Protein backbone atom coordinates (compact mmCIF):
# COMPACT_ATOMS: atom_id res chain seq x y z
CA UNK A 1 -22.22 -85.48 99.03
CA UNK A 2 -25.58 -86.24 100.65
CA UNK A 3 -26.22 -88.65 103.50
CA UNK A 4 -29.39 -89.96 105.08
CA UNK A 5 -28.84 -91.48 108.51
CA UNK A 6 -31.58 -93.42 110.29
CA UNK A 7 -31.80 -94.05 114.01
CA UNK A 8 -34.29 -95.33 116.56
CA UNK A 9 -34.64 -98.97 115.62
CA UNK A 10 -34.42 -101.81 118.08
CA UNK A 11 -36.20 -104.69 119.78
CA UNK A 12 -39.71 -104.09 121.12
CA UNK A 13 -42.50 -106.30 122.42
CA UNK A 14 -45.79 -106.65 120.52
CA UNK A 15 -48.01 -103.69 121.27
CA UNK A 16 -45.03 -101.45 121.94
CA UNK A 17 -43.85 -98.28 120.23
CA UNK A 18 -40.75 -96.98 118.51
CA UNK A 19 -39.88 -93.68 116.85
CA UNK A 20 -37.55 -93.72 113.88
CA UNK A 21 -35.63 -90.65 112.74
CA UNK A 22 -33.80 -89.95 109.52
CA UNK A 23 -31.60 -86.89 109.15
CA UNK A 24 -30.33 -85.59 105.82
CA UNK A 25 -26.98 -83.84 105.64
CA UNK A 26 -24.52 -82.60 103.09
CA UNK A 27 -24.59 -80.12 100.25
CA UNK A 28 -28.38 -79.87 100.08
CA UNK A 29 -30.21 -77.15 98.18
CA UNK A 30 -33.74 -78.45 98.59
CA UNK A 31 -35.67 -81.50 99.80
CA UNK A 32 -38.96 -82.56 98.23
CA UNK A 33 -40.81 -85.68 99.36
CA UNK A 34 -39.43 -87.88 102.14
CA UNK A 35 -40.57 -91.37 102.96
CA UNK A 36 -40.12 -94.67 104.72
CA UNK A 37 -39.87 -98.17 103.25
CA UNK A 38 -39.26 -101.54 104.86
CA UNK A 39 -37.95 -104.93 103.86
CA UNK A 40 -38.71 -108.07 105.82
CA UNK A 41 -36.55 -111.20 105.50
CA UNK A 42 -37.28 -112.99 102.24
CA UNK A 43 -39.62 -110.25 101.01
CA UNK A 44 -39.39 -107.33 98.64
CA UNK A 45 -38.97 -103.80 99.90
CA UNK A 46 -42.37 -102.17 100.44
CA UNK A 47 -43.51 -98.59 100.81
CA UNK A 48 -44.67 -97.58 104.30
CA UNK A 49 -45.39 -93.84 104.23
CA UNK A 50 -44.37 -90.57 102.65
CA UNK A 51 -44.70 -86.86 103.27
CA UNK A 52 -44.43 -83.88 100.94
CA UNK A 53 -42.45 -80.74 101.68
CA UNK A 54 -45.76 -79.09 102.51
CA UNK A 55 -46.67 -81.76 105.06
CA UNK A 56 -49.19 -83.85 103.14
CA UNK A 57 -48.92 -87.48 104.20
CA UNK A 58 -49.88 -90.90 102.94
CA UNK A 59 -49.59 -94.28 104.68
CA UNK A 60 -49.82 -97.87 103.51
CA UNK A 61 -53.05 -99.61 104.51
CA UNK A 62 -51.08 -102.10 106.62
CA UNK A 63 -49.88 -99.34 108.95
CA UNK A 64 -52.73 -96.81 108.84
CA UNK A 65 -53.89 -95.88 112.30
CA UNK A 66 -50.71 -97.25 113.87
CA UNK A 67 -47.82 -95.40 112.18
CA UNK A 68 -47.48 -91.65 111.64
CA UNK A 69 -44.94 -89.94 109.42
CA UNK A 70 -43.85 -86.37 110.12
CA UNK A 71 -40.95 -84.07 109.27
CA UNK A 72 -39.03 -81.07 110.52
CA UNK A 73 -37.88 -79.10 107.48
CA UNK A 74 -35.51 -76.91 109.49
CA UNK A 75 -33.72 -80.02 110.76
CA UNK A 76 -33.96 -81.84 107.40
CA UNK A 77 -35.37 -84.79 109.34
CA UNK A 78 -38.24 -87.20 108.80
CA UNK A 79 -39.78 -89.28 111.56
CA UNK A 80 -41.88 -92.41 111.77
CA UNK A 81 -43.84 -92.89 114.97
CA UNK A 82 -44.79 -96.56 115.22
CA UNK A 83 -47.42 -97.64 117.74
CA UNK A 84 -49.20 -100.95 118.39
CA UNK A 85 -46.31 -102.79 116.77
CA UNK A 86 -46.90 -106.33 115.55
CA UNK A 87 -44.44 -109.15 114.78
CA UNK A 88 -45.31 -108.61 111.10
CA UNK A 89 -43.73 -105.16 111.33
CA UNK A 90 -40.31 -106.75 111.83
CA UNK A 91 -38.07 -105.50 109.02
CA UNK A 92 -35.22 -103.22 108.10
CA UNK A 93 -36.65 -99.73 107.73
CA UNK A 94 -35.16 -97.37 105.15
CA UNK A 95 -35.77 -93.69 104.66
CA UNK A 96 -35.67 -91.98 101.31
CA UNK A 97 -35.72 -88.40 100.12
CA UNK A 98 -35.86 -86.48 96.86
CA UNK A 99 -33.01 -83.98 97.07
CA UNK A 100 -31.47 -81.26 94.94
CA UNK A 101 -27.83 -80.65 95.74
CA UNK A 102 -26.09 -77.30 95.56
CA UNK A 103 -24.15 -78.37 92.49
CA UNK A 104 -26.62 -80.48 90.52
CA UNK A 105 -29.99 -78.75 90.64
CA UNK A 106 -31.94 -81.84 89.67
CA UNK A 107 -34.04 -84.17 91.82
CA UNK A 108 -32.28 -87.35 92.88
CA UNK A 109 -33.61 -90.11 95.18
CA UNK A 110 -31.33 -90.81 98.11
CA UNK A 111 -31.58 -93.71 100.58
CA UNK A 112 -30.41 -94.33 104.11
CA UNK A 113 -28.53 -97.41 105.23
CA UNK A 114 -31.50 -98.86 107.10
CA UNK A 115 -32.32 -99.52 110.74
CA UNK A 116 -33.52 -102.86 112.12
CA UNK A 117 -36.89 -103.06 113.86
CA UNK A 118 -37.69 -106.35 115.58
CA UNK A 119 -41.05 -106.97 117.23
CA UNK A 120 -40.94 -110.04 119.43
CA UNK A 121 -41.85 -111.23 122.89
C-alpha cells in the first residue's frame, strides 16, 4: 500500500507565500518523477510542475518565476514553494508520483488527496 499525503495549504493574501509538502509512504521500492497539479473550481485539473529523480525540473508558464518544485529523495518528499501568489492560484493542489512497489516492480502513478490553497484578501 502506497500513500501520498500533502500538507501546507491554507489561506494567504495576494503576494504572499506558501510551501506545500507531499510525503510518500508505504511499501516503496523506487520513486521516479514527482509532480504537482491543481484544480480550480469549475476547471479541469492542470499540470503545475514536475521533477525527475535526478532533480531536473519543469514548470508551467503560468507559475514560472513564482513557484519552485524540489524534492528530498531520502525523505520521499516533494515540495512546492509558492511565492507572489495571486487569486488565480486558488485551487486544490494535488501531488503525484511514479512509484514501483516492493511487490509489483512496475511503474504506477499515485495521487495524493489534495490540499486547498486559497489566495484572497
